Amino acid sequence: MKTIVLGGCGDMAVVAVKLLVDEQDVEEVMIADINLEKAEKTASEMGPKATACKVDAMDPATITEAVKDYDVALGFIGPFYKFEKNIVGACIEAGTPYVSIMDDFDAYLEVIELDEKAKEKKVTVICGLGNSPGITNLLAKKGYQSMDTPEKIHIQWAGGSGEDVGEANVKHVLHIFAGKTIQWKDGKRVKVKTGMNRRVVEFPEPIGKLPVYYTGHAESVSVPMNLPGLKEVTLHGGTHPPYISTLATVFGFLRLANTPKKRDRLAKILVPLEEKGVFSGGGVDKSVFRIDVYGKNEGKRTHNYYTGVGHIAEITSIPCVEGALMIARGELDKPGVHAAESALEPDEFLPKLEKRGIDLRYFE
C-alpha cells in the first residue's frame, strides 16, 4: 500500500505520518509539502518507508501529479477555506481517493459541488475526518441512531491553548470567529453571527465548564444534510482560556479578520506571539468535545450525550489515518464526496479510534 500525506510537515500531520509508517502493510509514505527541505528532514527521521516531494496547493496540477500513483491521499493542507476545493478536484482528476481533516463550513459547501464528478470518476472522498468535524459527526450519528425520533443535536468543542498549533490553525480560528456561519434551526438553514449565542458546557477534564459560541465548523451544515428529519443542529466552539475566543471575535467585529488577506496579515503578528507562549498562559494541553442528542425513544423523552478528550494532533490524525487505511485496504468504497457521517458507521469506526487510545465516553 502506498500513501501520500499532503501537508505532511504540519503540526497535525506528523502524527499521521508516524502512524502510517508503523503499519505493516504500508510500503511507502510520501510526505508532500511546499517546504521540500522540511519534508526531506521529516522523512529522514521517519525511516526508510518515508519519502518526500514538493507540492503547491496554489497549483493544483502539482497535487494531481503527486498523488496519481498512490492508493490514498491524506489532506492536511490548511487553511481549508483557501485550498480544499482545489485539492479535492486535483485528487479526483488523478483518480486517487482522498481523506482530509477539513474543518471549515464554507469549504465543505464548496467541495460537495464536486460530488457528481467524484462519482463519475469512482473516487471516494471524505472531507472532515478529524476530531471536529469527524469524531463529532460520528458521535452525532450514534446518538441519532440510538433514538426512534431524534430531534436536536448540539455539537460543542473546545481547544486548549497549551496545544501545539501552526499558522494554518491560527488562521482557521480567526476565520471561524469572523463573519457569519450556518446553523440548522426549525428544520432549515439559518445564517448566524459567529462568536454569539454563548453557552456554558460541562466538558471532560481537564477543561470542565467553559463558555462556547457559534463557530464556523462544518457539522451544522453536513449533519442535517446527511441525517434527515432533525429539527435543530448547532455547532459551538471555544478555547481555554476563554479570552482567546473573545479576542478572535473582537478581531471579527473590527473587520480585521473578515477576508483571507486580512487573516494572513494578522497571523503574521499572532503566530510569533503564539510560539513564544503569549496565549498559552492558563491554558491546557488537551482538546475536548461533547455532543448532546435529544429526541424520543419508545415514547419517552430522551437525552443522550457523548464526550471525548485528547491531544489535538492525535485526535485529529487518528481518524484521518483510519479512514484512509480502510479505503486503501478495500474496506470502504463509496464514490462521491462525503462528510464523516455519510461515509462511515459509528459502531464500526469508533472502536478503531478507541483501540488507538482516543478517550471516548458514551452516556445513553
Protein backbone atom coordinates (compact mmCIF):
# COMPACT_ATOMS: atom_id res chain seq x y z
CA MET A 1 0.00 0.00 0.00
CA LYS A 2 1.31 3.43 -0.95
CA THR A 3 0.09 6.54 0.84
CA ILE A 4 0.78 10.25 0.39
CA VAL A 5 0.26 12.88 3.08
CA LEU A 6 -0.39 16.35 1.67
CA GLY A 7 0.97 18.98 4.05
CA GLY A 8 2.88 16.22 5.78
CA CYS A 9 5.20 18.58 7.69
CA GLY A 10 2.39 20.31 9.58
CA ASP A 11 1.82 20.02 13.32
CA MET A 12 -1.35 17.98 12.78
CA ALA A 13 0.18 15.73 10.08
CA VAL A 14 3.36 14.45 11.73
CA VAL A 15 1.34 12.11 13.96
CA ALA A 16 -0.43 10.73 10.88
CA VAL A 17 2.87 10.13 9.08
CA LYS A 18 4.24 8.20 12.07
CA LEU A 19 1.09 6.06 12.34
CA LEU A 20 1.24 5.18 8.65
CA VAL A 21 4.94 4.31 8.79
CA ASP A 22 4.19 1.91 11.65
CA GLU A 23 1.54 -0.01 9.65
CA GLN A 24 2.95 -3.29 8.31
CA ASP A 25 1.05 -3.22 5.02
CA VAL A 26 2.05 0.38 4.23
CA GLU A 27 5.06 0.23 1.93
CA GLU A 28 5.55 3.95 1.33
CA VAL A 29 4.55 7.21 3.00
CA MET A 30 5.20 10.19 0.75
CA ILE A 31 5.47 13.47 2.67
CA ALA A 32 4.28 16.12 0.23
CA ASP A 33 4.75 19.71 1.31
CA ILE A 34 5.57 23.13 -0.09
CA ASN A 35 8.65 23.14 2.14
CA LEU A 36 10.74 20.41 0.48
CA GLU A 37 13.70 20.81 2.82
CA LYS A 38 11.50 20.29 5.88
CA ALA A 39 9.72 17.38 4.17
CA GLU A 40 13.02 15.66 3.45
CA LYS A 41 14.17 16.17 7.03
CA THR A 42 10.89 14.74 8.37
CA ALA A 43 11.17 11.76 6.01
CA SER A 44 14.72 11.03 7.16
CA GLU A 45 13.51 10.99 10.77
CA MET A 46 10.65 8.60 9.95
CA GLY A 47 12.79 5.85 8.42
CA PRO A 48 13.11 4.11 5.05
CA LYS A 49 9.38 3.94 4.29
CA ALA A 50 9.11 7.73 4.21
CA THR A 51 9.99 9.81 1.15
CA ALA A 52 9.46 13.48 0.30
CA CYS A 53 8.30 15.66 -2.58
CA LYS A 54 7.22 19.24 -3.15
CA VAL A 55 3.64 20.30 -3.87
CA ASP A 56 2.00 23.70 -4.06
CA ALA A 57 -1.70 23.90 -3.17
CA MET A 58 -1.95 27.10 -5.21
CA ASP A 59 -1.05 24.99 -8.26
CA PRO A 60 -3.47 22.01 -8.35
CA ALA A 61 -1.51 20.41 -11.19
CA THR A 62 1.31 19.68 -8.72
CA ILE A 63 -1.21 17.89 -6.48
CA THR A 64 -2.58 15.81 -9.36
CA GLU A 65 0.91 14.80 -10.43
CA ALA A 66 1.99 13.96 -6.87
CA VAL A 67 -0.99 11.77 -5.89
CA LYS A 68 -1.62 9.87 -9.14
CA ASP A 69 0.31 6.69 -8.27
CA TYR A 70 -0.91 6.35 -4.67
CA ASP A 71 -3.64 4.20 -3.13
CA VAL A 72 -4.90 7.07 -0.98
CA ALA A 73 -4.04 10.69 -0.20
CA LEU A 74 -4.44 12.28 3.22
CA GLY A 75 -5.14 16.03 3.37
CA PHE A 76 -3.58 18.30 5.99
CA ILE A 77 -3.08 21.47 3.93
CA GLY A 78 -4.86 24.41 5.53
CA PRO A 79 -6.47 26.80 5.81
CA PHE A 80 -9.09 24.65 4.13
CA TYR A 81 -11.32 27.56 3.10
CA LYS A 82 -8.44 28.52 0.83
CA PHE A 83 -7.18 25.19 -0.53
CA GLU A 84 -9.59 22.27 -0.05
CA LYS A 85 -11.70 22.54 -3.22
CA ASN A 86 -8.63 22.71 -5.44
CA ILE A 87 -7.05 19.72 -3.70
CA VAL A 88 -10.22 17.62 -3.89
CA GLY A 89 -10.52 18.47 -7.59
CA ALA A 90 -6.90 17.51 -8.18
CA CYS A 91 -7.30 14.14 -6.44
CA ILE A 92 -10.47 13.36 -8.37
CA GLU A 93 -8.67 14.25 -11.60
CA ALA A 94 -5.87 11.83 -10.66
CA GLY A 95 -8.35 9.12 -9.65
CA THR A 96 -6.87 8.94 -6.16
CA PRO A 97 -9.09 8.57 -3.05
CA TYR A 98 -8.71 11.41 -0.57
CA VAL A 99 -9.37 11.81 3.18
CA SER A 100 -8.82 15.14 4.93
CA ILE A 101 -9.19 16.89 8.27
CA MET A 102 -11.02 19.81 6.61
CA ASP A 103 -12.95 21.79 9.25
CA ASP A 104 -14.41 24.95 7.63
CA PHE A 105 -18.14 25.06 6.84
CA ASP A 106 -17.68 27.09 3.66
CA ALA A 107 -15.01 24.68 2.41
CA TYR A 108 -17.49 21.83 2.89
CA LEU A 109 -20.13 23.67 0.87
CA GLU A 110 -17.59 24.09 -1.93
CA VAL A 111 -16.32 20.51 -2.04
CA ILE A 112 -19.75 18.87 -2.13
CA GLU A 113 -20.21 20.58 -5.50
CA LEU A 114 -17.66 18.03 -6.76
CA ASP A 115 -19.75 15.04 -5.63
CA GLU A 116 -21.03 14.09 -9.09
CA LYS A 117 -17.57 14.40 -10.59
CA ALA A 118 -16.17 12.10 -7.92
CA LYS A 119 -18.91 9.56 -8.59
CA GLU A 120 -18.24 9.67 -12.32
CA LYS A 121 -14.53 9.00 -11.68
CA LYS A 122 -15.41 6.39 -9.00
CA VAL A 123 -13.28 8.18 -6.41
CA THR A 124 -14.06 8.10 -2.68
CA VAL A 125 -13.52 11.44 -0.91
CA ILE A 126 -14.08 12.12 2.80
CA CYS A 127 -13.67 15.76 3.83
CA GLY A 128 -13.70 16.40 7.56
CA LEU A 129 -12.45 13.23 9.22
CA GLY A 130 -10.52 14.68 12.13
CA ASN A 131 -11.86 15.33 15.61
CA SER A 132 -14.24 18.23 14.84
CA PRO A 133 -15.57 17.61 12.30
CA GLY A 134 -15.05 13.87 12.18
CA ILE A 135 -15.40 12.13 15.53
CA THR A 136 -18.08 14.65 16.48
CA ASN A 137 -20.14 13.80 13.37
CA LEU A 138 -19.96 10.09 14.08
CA LEU A 139 -20.96 10.55 17.72
CA ALA A 140 -23.86 12.69 16.48
CA LYS A 141 -24.85 9.83 14.18
CA LYS A 142 -24.53 7.34 17.02
CA GLY A 143 -26.95 9.44 19.08
CA TYR A 144 -29.24 9.85 16.07
CA GLN A 145 -29.37 6.08 15.60
CA SER A 146 -29.99 5.47 19.32
CA MET A 147 -33.49 7.01 19.19
CA ASP A 148 -36.76 6.32 17.41
CA THR A 149 -37.27 10.03 16.82
CA PRO A 150 -34.10 12.14 17.07
CA GLU A 151 -34.90 15.85 17.09
CA LYS A 152 -31.96 18.01 18.17
CA ILE A 153 -28.19 17.65 18.13
CA HIS A 154 -25.86 20.12 19.83
CA ILE A 155 -22.17 19.71 18.99
CA GLN A 156 -19.58 21.51 21.12
CA TRP A 157 -15.79 21.56 21.09
CA ALA A 158 -13.03 23.36 22.96
CA GLY A 159 -9.32 23.67 22.30
CA GLY A 160 -6.63 24.11 24.92
CA SER A 161 -4.18 26.93 24.27
CA GLY A 162 -1.34 24.74 25.52
CA GLU A 163 -1.62 22.58 22.38
CA ASP A 164 0.95 22.87 19.58
CA VAL A 165 -0.70 24.60 16.62
CA GLY A 166 0.66 26.04 13.41
CA GLU A 167 -0.06 29.08 11.26
CA ALA A 168 -2.91 27.40 9.39
CA ASN A 169 -4.69 26.70 12.68
CA VAL A 170 -4.33 30.32 13.79
CA LYS A 171 -5.92 31.44 10.51
CA HIS A 172 -8.65 28.87 10.99
CA VAL A 173 -9.54 30.22 14.45
CA LEU A 174 -9.64 33.77 13.07
CA HIS A 175 -11.88 32.58 10.25
CA ILE A 176 -14.41 30.66 12.33
CA PHE A 177 -14.94 33.62 14.68
CA ALA A 178 -15.26 36.21 11.90
CA GLY A 179 -18.43 36.92 9.94
CA LYS A 180 -21.37 34.53 9.74
CA THR A 181 -21.87 30.79 9.72
CA ILE A 182 -24.76 28.38 9.16
CA GLN A 183 -26.81 26.56 11.79
CA TRP A 184 -29.90 24.36 11.47
CA LYS A 185 -32.97 25.74 13.23
CA ASP A 186 -36.64 24.71 12.88
CA GLY A 187 -35.71 22.29 10.11
CA LYS A 188 -33.93 24.79 7.88
CA ARG A 189 -30.63 26.58 7.41
CA VAL A 190 -30.16 29.93 9.08
CA LYS A 191 -27.21 32.31 9.00
CA VAL A 192 -25.93 33.49 12.36
CA LYS A 193 -23.13 35.72 13.59
CA THR A 194 -20.09 33.83 14.82
CA GLY A 195 -18.93 34.42 18.38
CA MET A 196 -22.55 34.80 19.55
CA ASN A 197 -25.07 32.60 21.40
CA ARG A 198 -22.86 31.99 24.43
CA ARG A 199 -23.42 28.63 26.07
CA VAL A 200 -21.61 27.17 29.11
CA VAL A 201 -20.86 23.48 28.58
CA GLU A 202 -19.63 20.82 31.01
CA PHE A 203 -16.72 19.26 29.14
CA PRO A 204 -14.48 16.42 30.35
CA GLU A 205 -11.48 17.30 32.44
CA PRO A 206 -9.00 18.95 32.22
CA ILE A 207 -11.24 21.68 30.76
CA GLY A 208 -14.51 21.30 32.68
CA LYS A 209 -17.09 24.10 32.40
CA LEU A 210 -16.34 26.52 29.57
CA PRO A 211 -18.26 29.10 27.50
CA VAL A 212 -18.62 28.27 23.80
CA TYR A 213 -20.10 30.18 20.87
CA TYR A 214 -21.37 29.80 17.33
CA THR A 215 -18.36 28.97 15.15
CA GLY A 216 -17.80 28.15 11.50
CA HIS A 217 -17.17 24.39 11.65
CA ALA A 218 -18.84 22.07 9.14
CA GLU A 219 -21.02 19.86 11.37
CA SER A 220 -24.03 22.19 11.48
CA VAL A 221 -24.09 22.09 7.66
CA SER A 222 -23.33 18.45 6.89
CA VAL A 223 -25.15 16.64 9.72
CA PRO A 224 -28.69 17.82 8.84
CA MET A 225 -27.96 17.10 5.17
CA ASN A 226 -26.98 13.51 5.92
CA LEU A 227 -29.19 12.67 8.92
CA PRO A 228 -32.72 13.62 7.81
CA GLY A 229 -35.62 14.71 9.99
CA LEU A 230 -33.74 16.76 12.57
CA LYS A 231 -35.32 19.97 13.80
CA GLU A 232 -32.10 21.51 15.08
CA VAL A 233 -28.33 21.05 14.72
CA THR A 234 -25.99 23.59 16.31
CA LEU A 235 -22.23 23.92 16.49
CA HIS A 236 -20.46 25.82 19.26
CA GLY A 237 -16.75 26.15 19.87
CA GLY A 238 -14.41 27.76 22.34
CA THR A 239 -10.92 27.94 23.79
CA HIS A 240 -9.24 27.51 27.13
CA PRO A 241 -8.63 30.12 28.41
CA PRO A 242 -11.85 31.74 27.09
CA TYR A 243 -10.33 35.16 26.37
CA ILE A 244 -8.80 33.78 23.16
CA SER A 245 -12.27 33.18 21.71
CA THR A 246 -13.27 36.67 22.79
CA LEU A 247 -10.17 38.15 21.17
CA ALA A 248 -10.85 36.32 17.89
CA THR A 249 -14.46 37.57 17.97
CA VAL A 250 -13.29 41.14 18.55
CA PHE A 251 -10.97 40.87 15.55
CA GLY A 252 -14.02 39.78 13.55
CA PHE A 253 -16.19 42.65 14.79
CA LEU A 254 -13.44 45.12 13.89
CA ARG A 255 -13.25 43.54 10.41
CA LEU A 256 -9.59 42.73 10.93
CA ALA A 257 -10.09 39.05 10.05
CA ASN A 258 -13.01 39.04 7.61
CA THR A 259 -11.00 38.23 4.45
CA PRO A 260 -8.22 35.71 3.71
CA LYS A 261 -5.71 38.52 3.11
CA LYS A 262 -6.54 40.18 6.43
CA ARG A 263 -6.20 36.84 8.23
CA ASP A 264 -2.85 36.27 6.55
CA ARG A 265 -1.60 39.65 7.78
CA LEU A 266 -2.95 39.19 11.29
CA ALA A 267 -1.50 35.68 11.54
CA LYS A 268 1.99 37.05 10.82
CA ILE A 269 1.65 39.04 14.03
CA LEU A 270 -0.07 36.38 16.13
CA VAL A 271 1.92 33.28 15.21
CA PRO A 272 5.26 34.57 16.61
CA LEU A 273 3.42 35.55 19.80
CA GLU A 274 1.83 32.11 19.99
CA GLU A 275 5.22 30.44 19.50
CA LYS A 276 6.56 32.46 22.45
CA GLY A 277 3.74 31.17 24.65
CA VAL A 278 1.91 34.50 24.96
CA PHE A 279 -1.50 32.83 24.57
CA SER A 280 -0.82 29.60 26.43
CA GLY A 281 -0.80 31.03 29.95
CA GLY A 282 -3.55 29.39 31.99
CA GLY A 283 -4.38 27.02 29.14
CA VAL A 284 -4.22 23.23 28.98
CA ASP A 285 -2.63 20.84 26.50
CA LYS A 286 -5.78 18.85 25.71
CA SER A 287 -8.79 19.42 23.49
CA VAL A 288 -12.33 18.17 24.13
CA PHE A 289 -15.73 17.76 22.56
CA ARG A 290 -19.27 16.99 23.69
CA ILE A 291 -22.32 16.03 21.63
CA ASP A 292 -25.84 16.21 23.10
CA VAL A 293 -28.66 14.44 21.27
CA TYR A 294 -32.33 14.96 22.17
CA GLY A 295 -35.44 13.16 20.97
CA LYS A 296 -37.85 10.36 21.77
CA ASN A 297 -37.24 6.66 22.23
CA GLU A 298 -40.05 4.17 22.90
CA GLY A 299 -42.35 7.12 23.51
CA LYS A 300 -40.15 8.73 26.18
CA ARG A 301 -38.18 11.96 26.04
CA THR A 302 -34.51 11.02 25.73
CA HIS A 303 -31.21 12.87 26.11
CA ASN A 304 -28.00 11.01 25.27
CA TYR A 305 -24.58 12.62 25.23
CA TYR A 306 -21.07 11.71 24.20
CA THR A 307 -17.66 13.15 25.08
CA GLY A 308 -14.05 12.86 24.06
CA VAL A 309 -10.68 14.25 25.11
CA GLY A 310 -7.12 14.07 23.82
CA HIS A 311 -4.15 15.89 22.35
CA ILE A 312 -5.31 17.78 19.29
CA ALA A 313 -2.78 16.27 16.85
CA GLU A 314 -3.68 12.74 17.93
CA ILE A 315 -7.48 13.05 17.95
CA THR A 316 -7.25 14.82 14.59
CA SER A 317 -4.77 12.49 12.85
CA ILE A 318 -6.02 9.11 14.06
CA PRO A 319 -9.50 9.29 12.43
CA CYS A 320 -7.98 10.51 9.16
CA VAL A 321 -5.46 7.66 9.14
CA GLU A 322 -8.08 5.02 9.97
CA GLY A 323 -10.37 6.25 7.20
CA ALA A 324 -7.52 6.29 4.70
CA LEU A 325 -6.44 2.76 5.66
CA MET A 326 -9.99 1.46 5.22
CA ILE A 327 -10.08 2.87 1.69
CA ALA A 328 -6.61 1.63 0.74
CA ARG A 329 -7.39 -1.85 2.08
CA GLY A 330 -10.61 -2.07 0.07
CA GLU A 331 -12.82 -1.96 3.17
CA LEU A 332 -14.52 1.28 2.13
CA ASP A 333 -15.56 2.12 -1.42
CA LYS A 334 -18.14 4.89 -1.61
CA PRO A 335 -17.53 7.06 -4.68
CA GLY A 336 -18.53 10.67 -4.14
CA VAL A 337 -17.67 13.50 -1.75
CA HIS A 338 -18.63 12.70 1.83
CA ALA A 339 -18.67 14.05 5.34
CA ALA A 340 -17.75 11.53 8.05
CA GLU A 341 -21.36 10.63 8.84
CA SER A 342 -22.28 9.85 5.23
CA ALA A 343 -19.20 7.66 4.66
CA LEU A 344 -18.92 5.69 7.90
CA GLU A 345 -20.90 3.81 10.52
CA PRO A 346 -20.09 4.82 14.12
CA ASP A 347 -20.33 1.35 15.64
CA GLU A 348 -17.76 0.08 13.12
CA PHE A 349 -15.41 3.08 13.10
CA LEU A 350 -15.34 4.43 16.65
CA PRO A 351 -13.87 1.24 18.17
CA LYS A 352 -10.90 1.66 15.79
CA LEU A 353 -10.22 5.03 17.39
CA GLU A 354 -10.56 3.68 20.91
CA LYS A 355 -8.02 0.96 20.12
CA ARG A 356 -5.63 3.77 19.20
CA GLY A 357 -6.12 5.32 22.64
CA ILE A 358 -8.71 8.03 21.99
CA ASP A 359 -10.81 8.53 25.13
CA LEU A 360 -14.49 8.40 24.13
CA ARG A 361 -17.37 8.22 26.63
CA TYR A 362 -20.99 7.28 25.89
CA PHE A 363 -23.84 8.40 28.17
CA GLU A 364 -27.02 6.75 26.93
